[in-house]
């Protein structure tokens, strides 16, 4: 099982369908530290966003971000936001 597969398993465990709740995965490429953070975020309409870090990858994954994004989207169906 690869790191990406483990991340997808964690996302599926955290993703509980609740009414009026918006879920998304945020991929943040930290330029200065050379790391990639992946967060699971959700918020109920009218309430603050809850963000939980689920992975911290080496900078070598930087070129694979589009593939990671597509794989997570395909497996979970969640919205993926990328920040550089």
PDB file of N, CA and C in Angstrom:
ATOM      1  N   UNK A   1       0.850  -1.170   0.000  1.00  0.00           N
ATOM      2  CA  UNK A   1       0.000   0.000   0.000  1.00  0.00           C
ATOM      3  C   UNK A   1       0.906   1.246   0.000  1.00  0.00           C
ATOM      4  N   UNK A   2       0.647   2.137  -0.917  1.00  0.00           N
ATOM      5  CA  UNK A   2       1.452   3.348  -1.036  1.00  0.00           C
ATOM      6  C   UNK A   2       0.965   4.412  -0.051  1.00  0.00           C
ATOM      7  N   UNK A   3       1.745   5.486   0.084  1.00  0.00           N
ATOM      8  CA  UNK A   3       1.349   6.587   0.968  1.00  0.00           C
ATOM      9  C   UNK A   3       0.036   7.213   0.520  1.00  0.00           C
ATOM     10  N   UNK A   4      -0.151   7.320  -0.791  1.00  0.00           N
ATOM     11  CA  UNK A   4      -1.380   7.922  -1.319  1.00  0.00           C
ATOM     12  C   UNK A   4      -2.580   7.048  -0.977  1.00  0.00           C
ATOM     13  N   UNK A   5      -2.427   5.734  -1.073  1.00  0.00           N
ATOM     14  CA  UNK A   5      -3.518   4.826  -0.711  1.00  0.00           C
ATOM     15  C   UNK A   5      -3.867   4.956   0.772  1.00  0.00           C
ATOM     16  N   UNK A   6      -2.851   5.129   1.618  1.00  0.00           N
ATOM     17  CA  UNK A   6      -3.089   5.308   3.047  1.00  0.00           C
ATOM     18  C   UNK A   6      -3.838   6.618   3.315  1.00  0.00           C
ATOM     19  N   UNK A   7      -3.486   7.659   2.567  1.00  0.00           N
ATOM     20  CA  UNK A   7      -4.173   8.947   2.702  1.00  0.00           C
ATOM     21  C   UNK A   7      -5.640   8.800   2.326  1.00  0.00           C
ATOM     22  N   UNK A   8      -5.905   8.081   1.244  1.00  0.00           N
ATOM     23  CA  UNK A   8      -7.290   7.877   0.795  1.00  0.00           C
ATOM     24  C   UNK A   8      -8.082   7.106   1.844  1.00  0.00           C
ATOM     25  N   UNK A   9      -7.471   6.115   2.476  1.00  0.00           N
ATOM     26  CA  UNK A   9      -8.144   5.357   3.538  1.00  0.00           C
ATOM     27  C   UNK A   9      -8.485   6.284   4.702  1.00  0.00           C
ATOM     28  N   UNK A  10      -7.561   7.165   5.082  1.00  0.00           N
ATOM     29  CA  UNK A  10      -7.827   8.119   6.162  1.00  0.00           C
ATOM     30  C   UNK A  10      -8.970   9.059   5.799  1.00  0.00           C
ATOM     31  N   UNK A  11      -8.982   9.532   4.553  1.00  0.00           N
ATOM     32  CA  UNK A  11     -10.053  10.424   4.111  1.00  0.00           C
ATOM     33  C   UNK A  11     -11.397   9.715   4.194  1.00  0.00           C
ATOM     34  N   UNK A  12     -11.453   8.476   3.745  1.00  0.00           N
ATOM     35  CA  UNK A  12     -12.713   7.732   3.782  1.00  0.00           C
ATOM     36  C   UNK A  12     -13.193   7.511   5.210  1.00  0.00           C
ATOM     37  N   UNK A  13     -12.255   7.353   6.147  1.00  0.00           N
ATOM     38  CA  UNK A  13     -12.639   7.188   7.551  1.00  0.00           C
ATOM     39  C   UNK A  13     -13.202   8.483   8.123  1.00  0.00           C
ATOM     40  N   UNK A  14     -12.646   9.627   7.717  1.00  0.00           N
ATOM     41  CA  UNK A  14     -13.093  10.927   8.238  1.00  0.00           C
ATOM     42  C   UNK A  14     -14.370  11.430   7.577  1.00  0.00           C
ATOM     43  N   UNK A  15     -14.638  10.965   6.360  1.00  0.00           N
ATOM     44  CA  UNK A  15     -15.769  11.470   5.585  1.00  0.00           C
ATOM     45  C   UNK A  15     -17.059  10.806   6.049  1.00  0.00           C
ATOM     46  N   UNK A  16     -17.820  11.551   6.858  1.00  0.00           N
ATOM     47  CA  UNK A  16     -19.132  11.084   7.293  1.00  0.00           C
ATOM     48  C   UNK A  16     -20.151  12.052   6.716  1.00  0.00           C
ATOM     49  N   UNK A  17     -21.056  11.548   5.963  1.00  0.00           N
ATOM     50  CA  UNK A  17     -22.033  12.407   5.300  1.00  0.00           C
ATOM     51  C   UNK A  17     -23.042  12.929   6.305  1.00  0.00           C
ATOM     52  N   UNK A  18     -22.955  14.232   6.551  1.00  0.00           N
ATOM     53  CA  UNK A  18     -23.908  14.897   7.436  1.00  0.00           C
ATOM     54  C   UNK A  18     -24.631  15.962   6.630  1.00  0.00           C
ATOM     55  N   UNK A  19     -25.888  16.214   6.919  1.00  0.00           N
ATOM     56  CA  UNK A  19     -26.634  17.217   6.148  1.00  0.00           C
ATOM     57  C   UNK A  19     -26.067  18.623   6.344  1.00  0.00           C
ATOM     58  N   UNK A  20     -26.141  19.412   5.277  1.00  0.00           N
ATOM     59  CA  UNK A  20     -25.679  20.805   5.259  1.00  0.00           C
ATOM     60  C   UNK A  20     -24.216  20.956   5.656  1.00  0.00           C
ATOM     61  N   UNK A  21     -23.395  19.989   5.323  1.00  0.00           N
ATOM     62  CA  UNK A  21     -21.970  20.035   5.623  1.00  0.00           C
ATOM     63  C   UNK A  21     -21.194  19.918   4.327  1.00  0.00           C
ATOM     64  N   UNK A  22     -20.170  20.752   4.185  1.00  0.00           N
ATOM     65  CA  UNK A  22     -19.346  20.759   2.983  1.00  0.00           C
ATOM     66  C   UNK A  22     -17.984  20.175   3.336  1.00  0.00           C
ATOM     67  N   UNK A  23     -17.530  19.223   2.517  1.00  0.00           N
ATOM     68  CA  UNK A  23     -16.263  18.540   2.743  1.00  0.00           C
ATOM     69  C   UNK A  23     -15.319  18.846   1.587  1.00  0.00           C
ATOM     70  N   UNK A  24     -14.014  18.951   1.892  1.00  0.00           N
ATOM     71  CA  UNK A  24     -13.019  19.110   0.843  1.00  0.00           C
ATOM     72  C   UNK A  24     -11.654  18.688   1.361  1.00  0.00           C
ATOM     73  N   UNK A  25     -10.761  18.413   0.420  1.00  0.00           N
ATOM     74  CA  UNK A  25      -9.374  18.088   0.732  1.00  0.00           C
ATOM     75  C   UNK A  25      -8.526  19.221   0.188  1.00  0.00           C
ATOM     76  N   UNK A  26      -7.622  19.726   1.015  1.00  0.00           N
ATOM     77  CA  UNK A  26      -6.752  20.840   0.626  1.00  0.00           C
ATOM     78  C   UNK A  26      -5.319  20.337   0.574  1.00  0.00           C
ATOM     79  N   UNK A  27      -4.675  20.530  -0.582  1.00  0.00           N
ATOM     80  CA  UNK A  27      -3.272  20.153  -0.766  1.00  0.00           C
ATOM     81  C   UNK A  27      -2.461  21.446  -0.813  1.00  0.00           C
ATOM     82  N   UNK A  28      -1.528  21.596   0.138  1.00  0.00           N
ATOM     83  CA  UNK A  28      -0.738  22.812   0.258  1.00  0.00           C
ATOM     84  C   UNK A  28       0.725  22.485  -0.020  1.00  0.00           C
ATOM     85  N   UNK A  29       1.264  23.131  -1.048  1.00  0.00           N
ATOM     86  CA  UNK A  29       2.677  22.969  -1.402  1.00  0.00           C
ATOM     87  C   UNK A  29       3.457  24.093  -0.721  1.00  0.00           C
ATOM     88  N   UNK A  30       4.158  23.763   0.345  1.00  0.00           N
ATOM     89  CA  UNK A  30       4.942  24.758   1.079  1.00  0.00           C
ATOM     90  C   UNK A  30       6.293  24.915   0.391  1.00  0.00           C
ATOM     91  N   UNK A  31       6.459  26.018  -0.297  1.00  0.00           N
ATOM     92  CA  UNK A  31       7.641  26.259  -1.113  1.00  0.00           C
ATOM     93  C   UNK A  31       8.906  26.332  -0.258  1.00  0.00           C
ATOM     94  N   UNK A  32       8.839  27.047   0.861  1.00  0.00           N
ATOM     95  CA  UNK A  32      10.036  27.297   1.653  1.00  0.00           C
ATOM     96  C   UNK A  32      10.490  26.091   2.468  1.00  0.00           C
ATOM     97  N   UNK A  33       9.564  25.286   2.928  1.00  0.00           N
ATOM     98  CA  UNK A  33       9.950  24.111   3.710  1.00  0.00           C
ATOM     99  C   UNK A  33      10.178  22.891   2.829  1.00  0.00           C
ATOM    100  N   UNK A  34       9.683  22.938   1.596  1.00  0.00           N
ATOM    101  CA  UNK A  34       9.859  21.806   0.695  1.00  0.00           C
ATOM    102  C   UNK A  34       8.969  20.620   1.032  1.00  0.00           C
ATOM    103  N   UNK A  35       7.883  20.860   1.731  1.00  0.00           N
ATOM    104  CA  UNK A  35       6.972  19.788   2.112  1.00  0.00           C
ATOM    105  C   UNK A  35       5.591  20.037   1.498  1.00  0.00           C
ATOM    106  N   UNK A  36       4.807  18.980   1.462  1.00  0.00           N
ATOM    107  CA  UNK A  36       3.434  19.063   0.972  1.00  0.00           C
ATOM    108  C   UNK A  36       2.516  18.598   2.100  1.00  0.00           C
ATOM    109  N   UNK A  37       1.583  19.438   2.500  1.00  0.00           N
ATOM    110  CA  UNK A  37       0.615  19.093   3.542  1.00  0.00           C
ATOM    111  C   UNK A  37      -0.729  18.799   2.897  1.00  0.00           C
ATOM    112  N   UNK A  38      -1.396  17.798   3.431  1.00  0.00           N
ATOM    113  CA  UNK A  38      -2.737  17.456   2.962  1.00  0.00           C
ATOM    114  C   UNK A  38      -3.682  17.538   4.153  1.00  0.00           C
ATOM    115  N   UNK A  39      -4.743  18.333   3.985  1.00  0.00           N
ATOM    116  CA  UNK A  39      -5.712  18.557   5.045  1.00  0.00           C
ATOM    117  C   UNK A  39      -7.088  18.058   4.626  1.00  0.00           C
ATOM    118  N   UNK A  40      -7.835  17.541   5.579  1.00  0.00           N
ATOM    119  CA  UNK A  40      -9.245  17.209   5.392  1.00  0.00           C
ATOM    120  C   UNK A  40     -10.022  18.310   6.094  1.00  0.00           C
ATOM    121  N   UNK A  41     -10.878  19.008   5.362  1.00  0.00           N
ATOM    122  CA  UNK A  41     -11.627  20.124   5.919  1.00  0.00           C
ATOM    123  C   UNK A  41     -13.124  19.912   5.723  1.00  0.00           C
ATOM    124  N   UNK A  42     -13.867  20.358   6.712  1.00  0.00           N
ATOM    125  CA  UNK A  42     -15.322  20.321   6.592  1.00  0.00           C
ATOM    126  C   UNK A  42     -15.910  21.458   7.403  1.00  0.00           C
ATOM    127  N   UNK A  43     -17.050  21.899   6.958  1.00  0.00           N
ATOM    128  CA  UNK A  43     -17.750  22.937   7.703  1.00  0.00           C
ATOM    129  C   UNK A  43     -19.236  22.847   7.438  1.00  0.00           C
ATOM    130  N   UNK A  44     -19.962  23.138   8.479  1.00  0.00           N
ATOM    131  CA  UNK A  44     -21.402  23.210   8.393  1.00  0.00           C
ATOM    132  C   UNK A  44     -21.743  24.649   8.041  1.00  0.00           C
ATOM    133  N   UNK A  45     -22.715  24.829   7.209  1.00  0.00           N
ATOM    134  CA  UNK A  45     -23.081  26.161   6.755  1.00  0.00           C
ATOM    135  C   UNK A  45     -23.399  27.041   7.965  1.00  0.00           C
ATOM    136  N   UNK A  46     -22.704  28.186   8.040  1.00  0.00           N
ATOM    137  CA  UNK A  46     -22.893  29.122   9.139  1.00  0.00           C
ATOM    138  C   UNK A  46     -21.950  28.896  10.308  1.00  0.00           C
ATOM    139  N   UNK A  47     -21.055  27.896  10.227  1.00  0.00           N
ATOM    140  CA  UNK A  47     -20.130  27.599  11.309  1.00  0.00           C
ATOM    141  C   UNK A  47     -18.687  27.650  10.794  1.00  0.00           C
ATOM    142  N   UNK A  48     -17.737  27.646  11.697  1.00  0.00           N
ATOM    143  CA  UNK A  48     -16.326  27.721  11.341  1.00  0.00           C
ATOM    144  C   UNK A  48     -15.854  26.424  10.681  1.00  0.00           C
ATOM    145  N   UNK A  49     -14.818  26.558   9.861  1.00  0.00           N
ATOM    146  CA  UNK A  49     -14.235  25.407   9.185  1.00  0.00           C
ATOM    147  C   UNK A  49     -13.372  24.615  10.159  1.00  0.00           C
ATOM    148  N   UNK A  50     -13.496  23.292  10.103  1.00  0.00           N
ATOM    149  CA  UNK A  50     -12.648  22.402  10.879  1.00  0.00           C
ATOM    150  C   UNK A  50     -11.656  21.775   9.919  1.00  0.00           C
ATOM    151  N   UNK A  51     -10.367  21.912  10.242  1.00  0.00           N
ATOM    152  CA  UNK A  51      -9.318  21.423   9.369  1.00  0.00           C
ATOM    153  C   UNK A  51      -8.438  20.451  10.139  1.00  0.00           C
ATOM    154  N   UNK A  52      -8.161  19.299   9.533  1.00  0.00           N
ATOM    155  CA  UNK A  52      -7.333  18.290  10.180  1.00  0.00           C
ATOM    156  C   UNK A  52      -6.249  17.848   9.209  1.00  0.00           C
ATOM    157  N   UNK A  53      -4.992  17.950   9.630  1.00  0.00           N
ATOM    158  CA  UNK A  53      -3.890  17.503   8.783  1.00  0.00           C
ATOM    159  C   UNK A  53      -3.885  15.982   8.768  1.00  0.00           C
ATOM    160  N   UNK A  54      -3.881  15.413   7.554  1.00  0.00           N
ATOM    161  CA  UNK A  54      -3.878  13.953   7.458  1.00  0.00           C
ATOM    162  C   UNK A  54      -2.583  13.410   6.896  1.00  0.00           C
ATOM    163  N   UNK A  55      -1.761  14.277   6.274  1.00  0.00           N
ATOM    164  CA  UNK A  55      -0.487  13.798   5.734  1.00  0.00           C
ATOM    165  C   UNK A  55       0.478  14.939   5.528  1.00  0.00           C
ATOM    166  N   UNK A  56       1.759  14.595   5.594  1.00  0.00           N
ATOM    167  CA  UNK A  56       2.832  15.540   5.292  1.00  0.00           C
ATOM    168  C   UNK A  56       3.829  14.762   4.446  1.00  0.00           C
ATOM    169  N   UNK A  57       3.917  15.138   3.174  1.00  0.00           N
ATOM    170  CA  UNK A  57       4.747  14.412   2.218  1.00  0.00           C
ATOM    171  C   UNK A  57       6.032  15.177   1.910  1.00  0.00           C
ATOM    172  N   UNK A  58       7.028  14.456   1.488  1.00  0.00           N
ATOM    173  CA  UNK A  58       8.293  15.055   1.069  1.00  0.00           C
ATOM    174  C   UNK A  58       8.077  15.901  -0.178  1.00  0.00           C
ATOM    175  N   UNK A  59       8.957  16.848  -0.416  1.00  0.00           N
ATOM    176  CA  UNK A  59       8.870  17.716  -1.580  1.00  0.00           C
ATOM    177  C   UNK A  59       9.040  16.996  -2.895  1.00  0.00           C
ATOM    178  N   UNK A  60       9.525  15.753  -2.856  1.00  0.00           N
ATOM    179  CA  UNK A  60       9.690  14.985  -4.089  1.00  0.00           C
ATOM    180  C   UNK A  60       8.344  14.671  -4.737  1.00  0.00           C
ATOM    181  N   UNK A  61       7.271  14.772  -3.977  1.00  0.00           N
ATOM    182  CA  UNK A  61       5.926  14.538  -4.510  1.00  0.00           C
ATOM    183  C   UNK A  61       5.379  15.763  -5.243  1.00  0.00           C
ATOM    184  N   UNK A  62       6.136  16.851  -5.252  1.00  0.00           N
ATOM    185  CA  UNK A  62       5.658  18.114  -5.829  1.00  0.00           C
ATOM    186  C   UNK A  62       5.200  17.953  -7.275  1.00  0.00           C
ATOM    187  N   UNK A  63       5.957  17.217  -8.063  1.00  0.00           N
ATOM    188  CA  UNK A  63       5.592  17.031  -9.474  1.00  0.00           C
ATOM    189  C   UNK A  63       4.397  16.101  -9.634  1.00  0.00           C
ATOM    190  N   UNK A  64       4.084  15.327  -8.593  1.00  0.00           N
ATOM    191  CA  UNK A  64       2.987  14.365  -8.669  1.00  0.00           C
ATOM    192  C   UNK A  64       1.669  14.923  -8.125  1.00  0.00           C
ATOM    193  N   UNK A  65       1.640  16.190  -7.739  1.00  0.00           N
ATOM    194  CA  UNK A  65       0.422  16.766  -7.164  1.00  0.00           C
ATOM    195  C   UNK A  65      -0.795  16.610  -8.077  1.00  0.00           C
ATOM    196  N   UNK A  66      -0.696  16.876  -9.396  1.00  0.00           N
ATOM    197  CA  UNK A  66      -1.888  16.677 -10.241  1.00  0.00           C
ATOM    198  C   UNK A  66      -2.386  15.224 -10.240  1.00  0.00           C
ATOM    199  N   UNK A  67      -1.473  14.278 -10.192  1.00  0.00           N
ATOM    200  CA  UNK A  67      -1.854  12.858 -10.173  1.00  0.00           C
ATOM    201  C   UNK A  67      -2.489  12.507  -8.832  1.00  0.00           C
ATOM    202  N   UNK A  68      -1.896  13.012  -7.749  1.00  0.00           N
ATOM    203  CA  UNK A  68      -2.448  12.772  -6.413  1.00  0.00           C
ATOM    204  C   UNK A  68      -3.849  13.360  -6.316  1.00  0.00           C
ATOM    205  N   UNK A  69      -3.988  14.581  -6.804  1.00  0.00           N
ATOM    206  CA  UNK A  69      -5.285  15.269  -6.791  1.00  0.00           C
ATOM    207  C   UNK A  69      -6.341  14.461  -7.540  1.00  0.00           C
ATOM    208  N   UNK A  70      -5.983  13.985  -8.717  1.00  0.00           N
ATOM    209  CA  UNK A  70      -6.924  13.220  -9.536  1.00  0.00           C
ATOM    210  C   UNK A  70      -7.274  11.887  -8.868  1.00  0.00           C
ATOM    211  N   UNK A  71      -6.291  11.228  -8.269  1.00  0.00           N
ATOM    212  CA  UNK A  71      -6.541   9.936  -7.625  1.00  0.00           C
ATOM    213  C   UNK A  71      -7.468  10.097  -6.413  1.00  0.00           C
ATOM    214  N   UNK A  72      -7.223  11.117  -5.587  1.00  0.00           N
ATOM    215  CA  UNK A  72      -8.087  11.344  -4.427  1.00  0.00           C
ATOM    216  C   UNK A  72      -9.501  11.695  -4.877  1.00  0.00           C
ATOM    217  N   UNK A  73      -9.625  12.542  -5.883  1.00  0.00           N
ATOM    218  CA  UNK A  73     -10.939  12.928  -6.423  1.00  0.00           C
ATOM    219  C   UNK A  73     -11.696  11.706  -6.941  1.00  0.00           C
ATOM    220  N   UNK A  74     -10.993  10.846  -7.667  1.00  0.00           N
ATOM    221  CA  UNK A  74     -11.616   9.657  -8.243  1.00  0.00           C
ATOM    222  C   UNK A  74     -12.076   8.685  -7.151  1.00  0.00           C
ATOM    223  N   UNK A  75     -11.256   8.494  -6.127  1.00  0.00           N
ATOM    224  CA  UNK A  75     -11.556   7.512  -5.079  1.00  0.00           C
ATOM    225  C   UNK A  75     -12.635   7.998  -4.098  1.00  0.00           C
ATOM    226  N   UNK A  76     -12.629   9.314  -3.794  1.00  0.00           N
ATOM    227  CA  UNK A  76     -13.523   9.811  -2.748  1.00  0.00           C
ATOM    228  C   UNK A  76     -14.676  10.652  -3.264  1.00  0.00           C
ATOM    229  N   UNK A  77     -14.493  11.307  -4.420  1.00  0.00           N
ATOM    230  CA  UNK A  77     -15.528  12.179  -4.959  1.00  0.00           C
ATOM    231  C   UNK A  77     -15.578  13.541  -4.291  1.00  0.00           C
ATOM    232  N   UNK A  78     -14.607  13.865  -3.448  1.00  0.00           N
ATOM    233  CA  UNK A  78     -14.581  15.143  -2.746  1.00  0.00           C
ATOM    234  C   UNK A  78     -13.939  16.227  -3.597  1.00  0.00           C
ATOM    235  N   UNK A  79     -14.216  17.479  -3.239  1.00  0.00           N
ATOM    236  CA  UNK A  79     -13.584  18.630  -3.885  1.00  0.00           C
ATOM    237  C   UNK A  79     -12.146  18.710  -3.408  1.00  0.00           C
ATOM    238  N   UNK A  80     -11.216  18.932  -4.335  1.00  0.00           N
ATOM    239  CA  UNK A  80      -9.792  19.050  -4.005  1.00  0.00           C
ATOM    240  C   UNK A  80      -9.342  20.451  -4.336  1.00  0.00           C
ATOM    241  N   UNK A  81      -8.727  21.136  -3.373  1.00  0.00           N
ATOM    242  CA  UNK A  81      -8.209  22.487  -3.557  1.00  0.00           C
ATOM    243  C   UNK A  81      -6.695  22.422  -3.424  1.00  0.00           C
ATOM    244  N   UNK A  82      -5.984  23.021  -4.387  1.00  0.00           N
ATOM    245  CA  UNK A  82      -4.529  23.033  -4.351  1.00  0.00           C
ATOM    246  C   UNK A  82      -4.037  24.460  -4.135  1.00  0.00           C
ATOM    247  N   UNK A  83      -3.099  24.613  -3.202  1.00  0.00           N
ATOM    248  CA  UNK A  83      -2.522  25.919  -2.912  1.00  0.00           C
ATOM    249  C   UNK A  83      -1.017  25.807  -3.014  1.00  0.00           C
ATOM    250  N   UNK A  84      -0.412  26.766  -3.757  1.00  0.00           N
ATOM    251  CA  UNK A  84       1.054  26.788  -3.860  1.00  0.00           C
ATOM    252  C   UNK A  84       1.594  28.009  -3.206  1.00  0.00           C
TER     253      UNK A  84
END
